[in-house]
PDB file of N, CA and C in Angstrom:
ATOM      1  N   UNK A   1     -13.245   6.551  -9.938  1.00  0.00           N
ATOM      2  CA  UNK A   1     -12.536   5.850  -9.000  1.00  0.00           C
ATOM      3  C   UNK A   1     -11.511   5.022  -9.438  1.00  0.00           C
ATOM      4  N   UNK A   2     -10.464   5.023  -8.872  1.00  0.00           N
ATOM      5  CA  UNK A   2      -9.396   3.895  -9.196  1.00  0.00           C
ATOM      6  C   UNK A   2      -8.998   3.046  -7.881  1.00  0.00           C
ATOM      7  N   UNK A   3      -8.792   1.662  -8.157  1.00  0.00           N
ATOM      8  CA  UNK A   3      -8.407   0.937  -6.872  1.00  0.00           C
ATOM      9  C   UNK A   3      -7.044   0.478  -7.271  1.00  0.00           C
ATOM     10  N   UNK A   4      -6.000   0.597  -6.527  1.00  0.00           N
ATOM     11  CA  UNK A   4      -4.760   0.349  -6.571  1.00  0.00           C
ATOM     12  C   UNK A   4      -4.939  -1.073  -5.451  1.00  0.00           C
ATOM     13  N   UNK A   5      -4.056  -1.858  -6.199  1.00  0.00           N
ATOM     14  CA  UNK A   5      -3.878  -3.246  -5.850  1.00  0.00           C
ATOM     15  C   UNK A   5      -2.517  -3.779  -5.821  1.00  0.00           C
ATOM     16  N   UNK A   6      -1.966  -4.203  -4.681  1.00  0.00           N
ATOM     17  CA  UNK A   6      -0.645  -4.421  -4.252  1.00  0.00           C
ATOM     18  C   UNK A   6      -0.667  -5.820  -3.347  1.00  0.00           C
ATOM     19  N   UNK A   7      -0.120  -6.981  -3.844  1.00  0.00           N
ATOM     20  CA  UNK A   7      -0.030  -8.063  -3.372  1.00  0.00           C
ATOM     21  C   UNK A   7       1.627  -7.828  -2.384  1.00  0.00           C
ATOM     22  N   UNK A   8       1.528  -7.930  -1.121  1.00  0.00           N
ATOM     23  CA  UNK A   8       2.943  -7.787  -0.448  1.00  0.00           C
ATOM     24  C   UNK A   8       3.445  -8.827   0.244  1.00  0.00           C
ATOM     25  N   UNK A   9       4.452  -9.455  -0.030  1.00  0.00           N
ATOM     26  CA  UNK A   9       5.046 -10.693   0.249  1.00  0.00           C
ATOM     27  C   UNK A   9       5.946 -10.109   1.295  1.00  0.00           C
ATOM     28  N   UNK A  10       6.024 -10.319   2.672  1.00  0.00           N
ATOM     29  CA  UNK A  10       6.578  -9.783   3.654  1.00  0.00           C
ATOM     30  C   UNK A  10       7.629 -11.039   4.291  1.00  0.00           C
ATOM     31  N   UNK A  11       8.930 -10.356   4.557  1.00  0.00           N
ATOM     32  CA  UNK A  11       9.972 -11.228   4.802  1.00  0.00           C
ATOM     33  C   UNK A  11       9.142 -12.019   6.131  1.00  0.00           C
ATOM     34  N   UNK A  12       9.235 -13.270   6.338  1.00  0.00           N
ATOM     35  CA  UNK A  12       8.440 -14.135   6.986  1.00  0.00           C
ATOM     36  C   UNK A  12       8.542 -13.805   8.493  1.00  0.00           C
ATOM     37  N   UNK A  13       9.763 -13.424   9.121  1.00  0.00           N
ATOM     38  CA  UNK A  13      10.183 -13.012  10.414  1.00  0.00           C
ATOM     39  C   UNK A  13      10.047 -11.718  10.967  1.00  0.00           C
ATOM     40  N   UNK A  14       9.511 -11.050   9.860  1.00  0.00           N
ATOM     41  CA  UNK A  14       9.219  -9.629  10.015  1.00  0.00           C
ATOM     42  C   UNK A  14       7.587  -9.201  10.068  1.00  0.00           C
ATOM     43  N   UNK A  15       6.979 -10.182   9.989  1.00  0.00           N
ATOM     44  CA  UNK A  15       5.456  -9.732   9.931  1.00  0.00           C
ATOM     45  C   UNK A  15       4.903  -8.784  11.076  1.00  0.00           C
ATOM     46  N   UNK A  16       5.184  -8.781  12.339  1.00  0.00           N
ATOM     47  CA  UNK A  16       4.732  -8.210  13.209  1.00  0.00           C
ATOM     48  C   UNK A  16       5.356  -6.611  13.215  1.00  0.00           C
ATOM     49  N   UNK A  17       6.672  -6.706  12.948  1.00  0.00           N
ATOM     50  CA  UNK A  17       6.899  -5.381  12.572  1.00  0.00           C
ATOM     51  C   UNK A  17       6.378  -4.566  11.408  1.00  0.00           C
ATOM     52  N   UNK A  18       6.187  -5.361  10.039  1.00  0.00           N
ATOM     53  CA  UNK A  18       5.463  -4.775   9.302  1.00  0.00           C
ATOM     54  C   UNK A  18       4.290  -4.088   9.577  1.00  0.00           C
ATOM     55  N   UNK A  19       3.290  -4.915  10.198  1.00  0.00           N
ATOM     56  CA  UNK A  19       1.961  -4.488  10.656  1.00  0.00           C
ATOM     57  C   UNK A  19       2.029  -3.139  11.592  1.00  0.00           C
ATOM     58  N   UNK A  20       3.280  -3.155  12.352  1.00  0.00           N
ATOM     59  CA  UNK A  20       3.420  -2.220  13.434  1.00  0.00           C
ATOM     60  C   UNK A  20       3.921  -0.847  12.410  1.00  0.00           C
ATOM     61  N   UNK A  21       4.777  -1.075  11.377  1.00  0.00           N
ATOM     62  CA  UNK A  21       5.155   0.005  10.738  1.00  0.00           C
ATOM     63  C   UNK A  21       3.987   0.589   9.860  1.00  0.00           C
ATOM     64  N   UNK A  22       3.027  -0.425   9.387  1.00  0.00           N
ATOM     65  CA  UNK A  22       1.795  -0.163   8.432  1.00  0.00           C
ATOM     66  C   UNK A  22       1.130   0.850   9.073  1.00  0.00           C
ATOM     67  N   UNK A  23       0.728   0.678  10.477  1.00  0.00           N
ATOM     68  CA  UNK A  23      -0.222   1.308  11.211  1.00  0.00           C
ATOM     69  C   UNK A  23       0.206   2.815  11.509  1.00  0.00           C
ATOM     70  N   UNK A  24       1.657   2.924  11.319  1.00  0.00           N
ATOM     71  CA  UNK A  24       2.289   4.453  11.076  1.00  0.00           C
ATOM     72  C   UNK A  24       1.971   4.963   9.572  1.00  0.00           C
ATOM     73  N   UNK A  25       2.456   4.091   8.789  1.00  0.00           N
ATOM     74  CA  UNK A  25       2.229   4.495   7.281  1.00  0.00           C
ATOM     75  C   UNK A  25       1.032   5.020   6.881  1.00  0.00           C
ATOM     76  N   UNK A  26      -0.080   4.234   7.414  1.00  0.00           N
ATOM     77  CA  UNK A  26      -1.593   4.592   6.709  1.00  0.00           C
ATOM     78  C   UNK A  26      -1.734   5.708   6.874  1.00  0.00           C
ATOM     79  N   UNK A  27      -1.270   6.477   8.069  1.00  0.00           N
ATOM     80  CA  UNK A  27      -1.465   7.796   8.327  1.00  0.00           C
ATOM     81  C   UNK A  27      -1.135   8.754   7.538  1.00  0.00           C
ATOM     82  N   UNK A  28      -0.020   8.369   7.051  1.00  0.00           N
ATOM     83  CA  UNK A  28       0.852   9.219   5.777  1.00  0.00           C
ATOM     84  C   UNK A  28      -0.273   9.151   4.480  1.00  0.00           C
ATOM     85  N   UNK A  29      -0.659   7.768   4.192  1.00  0.00           N
ATOM     86  CA  UNK A  29      -1.320   7.720   2.799  1.00  0.00           C
ATOM     87  C   UNK A  29      -2.724   8.252   2.819  1.00  0.00           C
ATOM     88  N   UNK A  30      -3.288   8.073   4.370  1.00  0.00           N
ATOM     89  CA  UNK A  30      -4.883   8.484   4.554  1.00  0.00           C
ATOM     90  C   UNK A  30      -4.966  10.094   4.217  1.00  0.00           C
ATOM     91  N   UNK A  31      -3.754  11.048   4.121  1.00  0.00           N
ATOM     92  CA  UNK A  31      -3.868  12.649   4.125  1.00  0.00           C
ATOM     93  C   UNK A  31      -3.446  13.012   2.625  1.00  0.00           C
ATOM     94  N   UNK A  32      -3.229  12.051   1.770  1.00  0.00           N
ATOM     95  CA  UNK A  32      -2.755  12.505   0.828  1.00  0.00           C
ATOM     96  C   UNK A  32      -3.955  12.636  -0.317  1.00  0.00           C
ATOM     97  N   UNK A  33      -3.934  13.823  -1.174  1.00  0.00           N
ATOM     98  CA  UNK A  33      -4.861  14.347  -2.057  1.00  0.00           C
ATOM     99  C   UNK A  33      -5.360  13.157  -3.136  1.00  0.00           C
ATOM    100  N   UNK A  34      -6.503  13.080  -3.217  1.00  0.00           N
ATOM    101  CA  UNK A  34      -7.249  12.123  -4.093  1.00  0.00           C
ATOM    102  C   UNK A  34      -7.446  10.763  -3.287  1.00  0.00           C
ATOM    103  N   UNK A  35      -6.866  10.549  -2.221  1.00  0.00           N
ATOM    104  CA  UNK A  35      -6.969   9.316  -1.412  1.00  0.00           C
ATOM    105  C   UNK A  35      -8.639   9.411  -0.952  1.00  0.00           C
ATOM    106  N   UNK A  36      -9.202   7.904  -0.848  1.00  0.00           N
ATOM    107  CA  UNK A  36     -10.638   7.945  -0.620  1.00  0.00           C
ATOM    108  C   UNK A  36     -10.597   6.746   0.507  1.00  0.00           C
ATOM    109  N   UNK A  37      -9.721   5.590   0.406  1.00  0.00           N
ATOM    110  CA  UNK A  37     -10.021   4.894   1.504  1.00  0.00           C
ATOM    111  C   UNK A  37      -8.764   3.797   1.585  1.00  0.00           C
ATOM    112  N   UNK A  38      -8.767   2.907   2.334  1.00  0.00           N
ATOM    113  CA  UNK A  38      -7.822   1.790   2.083  1.00  0.00           C
ATOM    114  C   UNK A  38      -8.127   0.555   2.785  1.00  0.00           C
ATOM    115  N   UNK A  39      -7.504  -0.657   2.563  1.00  0.00           N
ATOM    116  CA  UNK A  39      -7.796  -1.688   3.428  1.00  0.00           C
ATOM    117  C   UNK A  39      -6.217  -2.715   3.333  1.00  0.00           C
ATOM    118  N   UNK A  40      -5.824  -3.112   4.489  1.00  0.00           N
ATOM    119  CA  UNK A  40      -4.750  -3.959   4.345  1.00  0.00           C
ATOM    120  C   UNK A  40      -5.306  -5.206   4.838  1.00  0.00           C
ATOM    121  N   UNK A  41      -5.096  -6.360   4.081  1.00  0.00           N
ATOM    122  CA  UNK A  41      -5.598  -7.570   4.417  1.00  0.00           C
ATOM    123  C   UNK A  41      -4.716  -8.913   4.829  1.00  0.00           C
ATOM    124  N   UNK A  42      -4.722  -9.717   5.585  1.00  0.00           N
ATOM    125  CA  UNK A  42      -3.881 -10.780   5.821  1.00  0.00           C
ATOM    126  C   UNK A  42      -4.172 -11.835   5.002  1.00  0.00           C
ATOM    127  N   UNK A  43      -3.145 -12.816   4.373  1.00  0.00           N
ATOM    128  CA  UNK A  43      -3.978 -13.958   3.535  1.00  0.00           C
ATOM    129  C   UNK A  43      -4.038 -15.096   5.021  1.00  0.00           C
ATOM    130  N   UNK A  44      -4.635 -15.720   4.568  1.00  0.00           N
ATOM    131  CA  UNK A  44      -4.911 -16.913   5.665  1.00  0.00           C
ATOM    132  C   UNK A  44      -4.105 -18.297   5.389  1.00  0.00           C
ATOM    133  N   UNK A  45      -3.940 -18.187   3.941  1.00  0.00           N
ATOM    134  CA  UNK A  45      -3.003 -19.483   3.274  1.00  0.00           C
ATOM    135  C   UNK A  45      -1.958 -19.308   3.739  1.00  0.00           C
ATOM    136  N   UNK A  46      -1.063 -18.004   3.513  1.00  0.00           N
ATOM    137  CA  UNK A  46       0.321 -17.639   3.433  1.00  0.00           C
ATOM    138  C   UNK A  46       0.410 -16.534   4.373  1.00  0.00           C
ATOM    139  N   UNK A  47       0.862 -17.160   5.499  1.00  0.00           N
ATOM    140  CA  UNK A  47       1.120 -16.260   6.765  1.00  0.00           C
ATOM    141  C   UNK A  47       1.811 -14.727   6.559  1.00  0.00           C
ATOM    142  N   UNK A  48       2.701 -14.520   5.712  1.00  0.00           N
ATOM    143  CA  UNK A  48       3.434 -13.616   5.280  1.00  0.00           C
ATOM    144  C   UNK A  48       3.049 -12.771   4.173  1.00  0.00           C
ATOM    145  N   UNK A  49       1.830 -13.109   3.293  1.00  0.00           N
ATOM    146  CA  UNK A  49       1.352 -12.378   2.468  1.00  0.00           C
ATOM    147  C   UNK A  49       0.149 -11.545   3.100  1.00  0.00           C
ATOM    148  N   UNK A  50       0.194 -10.494   2.587  1.00  0.00           N
ATOM    149  CA  UNK A  50      -0.932  -9.291   2.747  1.00  0.00           C
ATOM    150  C   UNK A  50      -1.301  -8.587   1.185  1.00  0.00           C
ATOM    151  N   UNK A  51      -2.561  -8.075   1.120  1.00  0.00           N
ATOM    152  CA  UNK A  51      -3.094  -7.348  -0.038  1.00  0.00           C
ATOM    153  C   UNK A  51      -3.204  -6.010   0.735  1.00  0.00           C
ATOM    154  N   UNK A  52      -2.863  -5.214  -0.287  1.00  0.00           N
ATOM    155  CA  UNK A  52      -3.511  -3.850   0.054  1.00  0.00           C
ATOM    156  C   UNK A  52      -4.404  -3.134  -1.052  1.00  0.00           C
ATOM    157  N   UNK A  53      -5.272  -2.561  -1.011  1.00  0.00           N
ATOM    158  CA  UNK A  53      -6.514  -2.179  -1.657  1.00  0.00           C
ATOM    159  C   UNK A  53      -6.607  -0.593  -1.140  1.00  0.00           C
ATOM    160  N   UNK A  54      -6.265   0.421  -2.147  1.00  0.00           N
ATOM    161  CA  UNK A  54      -6.485   1.699  -1.835  1.00  0.00           C
ATOM    162  C   UNK A  54      -7.270   2.464  -3.011  1.00  0.00           C
ATOM    163  N   UNK A  55      -8.328   2.785  -2.655  1.00  0.00           N
ATOM    164  CA  UNK A  55      -9.151   3.725  -3.623  1.00  0.00           C
ATOM    165  C   UNK A  55      -8.547   5.029  -3.701  1.00  0.00           C
ATOM    166  N   UNK A  56      -8.346   5.610  -4.726  1.00  0.00           N
ATOM    167  CA  UNK A  56      -7.845   6.953  -5.177  1.00  0.00           C
ATOM    168  C   UNK A  56      -8.871   7.596  -6.331  1.00  0.00           C
ATOM    169  N   UNK A  57      -9.078   8.714  -6.008  1.00  0.00           N
ATOM    170  CA  UNK A  57     -10.091   9.619  -7.134  1.00  0.00           C
ATOM    171  C   UNK A  57      -9.573   9.482  -8.543  1.00  0.00           C
ATOM    172  N   UNK A  58      -8.408   9.463  -8.790  1.00  0.00           N
ATOM    173  CA  UNK A  58      -7.754   9.444  -9.865  1.00  0.00           C
ATOM    174  C   UNK A  58      -6.206   8.538 -10.032  1.00  0.00           C
ATOM    175  N   UNK A  59      -6.186   8.192 -11.150  1.00  0.00           N
ATOM    176  CA  UNK A  59      -4.842   7.447 -11.552  1.00  0.00           C
ATOM    177  C   UNK A  59      -3.691   8.087 -10.825  1.00  0.00           C
ATOM    178  N   UNK A  60      -3.972   9.402 -11.468  1.00  0.00           N
ATOM    179  CA  UNK A  60      -2.696  10.529 -11.223  1.00  0.00           C
ATOM    180  C   UNK A  60      -2.394  10.867  -9.850  1.00  0.00           C
ATOM    181  N   UNK A  61      -3.671  10.944  -8.735  1.00  0.00           N
ATOM    182  CA  UNK A  61      -3.447  11.183  -7.723  1.00  0.00           C
ATOM    183  C   UNK A  61      -2.642   9.924  -6.907  1.00  0.00           C
ATOM    184  N   UNK A  62      -2.408   8.745  -7.280  1.00  0.00           N
ATOM    185  CA  UNK A  62      -1.463   8.027  -6.844  1.00  0.00           C
ATOM    186  C   UNK A  62      -0.097   8.095  -7.383  1.00  0.00           C
ATOM    187  N   UNK A  63      -0.057   7.789  -9.020  1.00  0.00           N
ATOM    188  CA  UNK A  63       1.148   7.598  -9.495  1.00  0.00           C
ATOM    189  C   UNK A  63       2.034   9.000  -9.772  1.00  0.00           C
ATOM    190  N   UNK A  64       1.599   9.948  -9.795  1.00  0.00           N
ATOM    191  CA  UNK A  64       2.203  11.488  -9.818  1.00  0.00           C
ATOM    192  C   UNK A  64       2.146  12.064  -8.440  1.00  0.00           C
ATOM    193  N   UNK A  65       0.532  12.250  -7.757  1.00  0.00           N
ATOM    194  CA  UNK A  65       0.713  13.114  -6.371  1.00  0.00           C
ATOM    195  C   UNK A  65       1.405  12.205  -5.402  1.00  0.00           C
ATOM    196  N   UNK A  66       1.015  11.157  -4.994  1.00  0.00           N
ATOM    197  CA  UNK A  66       1.425  10.302  -3.734  1.00  0.00           C
ATOM    198  C   UNK A  66       2.772   9.690  -4.082  1.00  0.00           C
ATOM    199  N   UNK A  67       3.368   9.149  -5.399  1.00  0.00           N
ATOM    200  CA  UNK A  67       4.523   8.621  -5.355  1.00  0.00           C
ATOM    201  C   UNK A  67       5.421   9.846  -5.567  1.00  0.00           C
ATOM    202  N   UNK A  68       5.263  10.916  -5.918  1.00  0.00           N
ATOM    203  CA  UNK A  68       6.203  12.080  -6.453  1.00  0.00           C
ATOM    204  C   UNK A  68       6.252  12.818  -5.046  1.00  0.00           C
ATOM    205  N   UNK A  69       5.680  12.645  -4.023  1.00  0.00           N
ATOM    206  CA  UNK A  69       5.558  13.596  -2.790  1.00  0.00           C
ATOM    207  C   UNK A  69       6.702  13.172  -1.805  1.00  0.00           C
ATOM    208  N   UNK A  70       7.168  13.962  -0.865  1.00  0.00           N
ATOM    209  CA  UNK A  70       7.955  13.674  -0.008  1.00  0.00           C
ATOM    210  C   UNK A  70       7.511  12.913   1.171  1.00  0.00           C
ATOM    211  N   UNK A  71       6.064  12.825   1.296  1.00  0.00           N
ATOM    212  CA  UNK A  71       5.411  11.793   1.985  1.00  0.00           C
ATOM    213  C   UNK A  71       5.673  10.121   1.551  1.00  0.00           C
ATOM    214  N   UNK A  72       5.770  10.279   0.265  1.00  0.00           N
ATOM    215  CA  UNK A  72       6.095   8.813  -0.200  1.00  0.00           C
ATOM    216  C   UNK A  72       7.476   8.442  -0.049  1.00  0.00           C
ATOM    217  N   UNK A  73       8.490   9.247   0.193  1.00  0.00           N
ATOM    218  CA  UNK A  73       9.663   8.970   0.698  1.00  0.00           C
ATOM    219  C   UNK A  73       9.778   8.468   2.385  1.00  0.00           C
ATOM    220  N   UNK A  74       8.839   8.970   2.903  1.00  0.00           N
ATOM    221  CA  UNK A  74       8.396   8.582   4.112  1.00  0.00           C
ATOM    222  C   UNK A  74       7.960   7.113   4.313  1.00  0.00           C
ATOM    223  N   UNK A  75       7.084   6.969   3.717  1.00  0.00           N
ATOM    224  CA  UNK A  75       6.274   5.595   3.280  1.00  0.00           C
ATOM    225  C   UNK A  75       7.232   4.703   2.959  1.00  0.00           C
ATOM    226  N   UNK A  76       7.815   4.861   1.784  1.00  0.00           N
ATOM    227  CA  UNK A  76       9.143   4.031   1.593  1.00  0.00           C
ATOM    228  C   UNK A  76      10.053   3.765   2.710  1.00  0.00           C
ATOM    229  N   UNK A  77      10.341   4.660   3.643  1.00  0.00           N
ATOM    230  CA  UNK A  77      11.551   4.503   4.750  1.00  0.00           C
ATOM    231  C   UNK A  77      10.941   3.212   5.538  1.00  0.00           C
ATOM    232  N   UNK A  78       9.461   3.516   5.822  1.00  0.00           N
ATOM    233  CA  UNK A  78       8.679   2.737   6.906  1.00  0.00           C
ATOM    234  C   UNK A  78       8.521   1.360   6.258  1.00  0.00           C
ATOM    235  N   UNK A  79       8.136   0.867   5.056  1.00  0.00           N
ATOM    236  CA  UNK A  79       7.753  -0.414   4.681  1.00  0.00           C
ATOM    237  C   UNK A  79       8.468  -1.015   3.454  1.00  0.00           C
ATOM    238  N   UNK A  80       9.307  -0.587   2.433  1.00  0.00           N
ATOM    239  CA  UNK A  80       9.936  -1.223   1.567  1.00  0.00           C
ATOM    240  C   UNK A  80      10.771  -2.102   1.779  1.00  0.00           C
ATOM    241  N   UNK A  81      11.446  -2.165   2.957  1.00  0.00           N
ATOM    242  CA  UNK A  81      12.455  -3.159   3.153  1.00  0.00           C
ATOM    243  C   UNK A  81      11.917  -4.474   3.978  1.00  0.00           C
ATOM    244  N   UNK A  82      10.488  -4.163   4.125  1.00  0.00           N
ATOM    245  CA  UNK A  82      10.011  -5.582   4.741  1.00  0.00           C
ATOM    246  C   UNK A  82       9.662  -6.554   3.396  1.00  0.00           C
ATOM    247  N   UNK A  83       9.767  -6.046   2.112  1.00  0.00           N
ATOM    248  CA  UNK A  83       9.178  -6.807   1.089  1.00  0.00           C
ATOM    249  C   UNK A  83      10.153  -7.855   0.355  1.00  0.00           C
ATOM    250  N   UNK A  84       9.947  -9.024   0.112  1.00  0.00           N
ATOM    251  CA  UNK A  84      10.545 -10.054  -0.760  1.00  0.00           C
ATOM    252  C   UNK A  84       9.803 -10.854  -1.382  1.00  0.00           C
ATOM    253  N   UNK A  85       9.474 -10.781  -2.760  1.00  0.00           N
ATOM    254  CA  UNK A  85       9.959  -9.646  -3.651  1.00  0.00           C
ATOM    255  C   UNK A  85       9.324  -8.280  -3.515  1.00  0.00           C
ATOM    256  N   UNK A  86       9.815  -7.361  -4.429  1.00  0.00           N
ATOM    257  CA  UNK A  86       9.094  -6.152  -4.153  1.00  0.00           C
ATOM    258  C   UNK A  86       7.612  -6.459  -5.022  1.00  0.00           C
ATOM    259  N   UNK A  87       6.698  -5.755  -4.643  1.00  0.00           N
ATOM    260  CA  UNK A  87       5.376  -5.867  -5.008  1.00  0.00           C
ATOM    261  C   UNK A  87       5.117  -5.154  -6.097  1.00  0.00           C
ATOM    262  N   UNK A  88       4.551  -6.105  -7.125  1.00  0.00           N
ATOM    263  CA  UNK A  88       3.894  -5.351  -8.234  1.00  0.00           C
ATOM    264  C   UNK A  88       2.478  -4.577  -8.121  1.00  0.00           C
ATOM    265  N   UNK A  89       2.418  -3.520  -8.528  1.00  0.00           N
ATOM    266  CA  UNK A  89       1.300  -2.611  -8.197  1.00  0.00           C
ATOM    267  C   UNK A  89       0.309  -2.491  -9.174  1.00  0.00           C
ATOM    268  N   UNK A  90      -0.945  -2.917  -9.288  1.00  0.00           N
ATOM    269  CA  UNK A  90      -1.914  -2.694 -10.323  1.00  0.00           C
ATOM    270  C   UNK A  90      -2.687  -1.668  -9.990  1.00  0.00           C
ATOM    271  N   UNK A  91      -3.703  -1.088 -11.179  1.00  0.00           N
ATOM    272  CA  UNK A  91      -4.522  -0.055 -10.795  1.00  0.00           C
ATOM    273  C   UNK A  91      -5.754  -0.865 -11.670  1.00  0.00           C
ATOM    274  N   UNK A  92      -6.919  -0.582 -11.227  1.00  0.00           N
ATOM    275  CA  UNK A  92      -8.292  -1.195 -11.496  1.00  0.00           C
ATOM    276  C   UNK A  92      -9.300  -0.124 -11.712  1.00  0.00           C
ATOM    277  N   UNK A  93     -10.219  -0.055 -12.776  1.00  0.00           N
ATOM    278  CA  UNK A  93     -11.178   0.477 -12.971  1.00  0.00           C
ATOM    279  C   UNK A  93     -12.499  -0.033 -12.743  1.00  0.00           C
ATOM    280  N   UNK A  94     -13.339   0.236 -11.803  1.00  0.00           N
ATOM    281  CA  UNK A  94     -14.880  -0.454 -12.025  1.00  0.00           C
ATOM    282  C   UNK A  94     -15.731  -0.453 -13.137  1.00  0.00           C
ATOM    283  N   UNK A  95     -16.079  -1.522 -13.939  1.00  0.00           N
ATOM    284  CA  UNK A  95     -17.113  -1.479 -14.902  1.00  0.00           C
ATOM    285  C   UNK A  95     -18.513  -1.725 -14.485  1.00  0.00           C
ATOM    286  N   UNK A  96     -18.539  -2.508 -13.708  1.00  0.00           N
ATOM    287  CA  UNK A  96     -20.345  -2.653 -13.302  1.00  0.00           C
ATOM    288  C   UNK A  96     -20.646  -2.385 -11.585  1.00  0.00           C
TER     289      UNK A  96
END
C-alpha cells in the first residue's frame, strides 16, 4: 500500500469553486485501477490550504496508471488551475 500526499494551496478567492470541482474529480480518481481510498482535508490555520491523501495499491498505479491515463487529463482540467504554487506530490510506505 502506498500513500500519496499532496499539500494543495488553492488561490484564496477560489476555495469554494475548488471544493465543487473536487467533488466531481473524486469520482474520476476513485474509479482508477489500484485506487483504494482518499481523503481531502481542509487546513484550520490556513483557509486556502488542503491536504489530499490517496491510498494506492502500488506506486505505479498512481505514477504510470493514473497519470498516464485519459482520466488524468480530465482531473487536470478540473483542478490544476486552482493551485498556486503547483503542489509537490510525495509517496509514502507504511513502516509500522
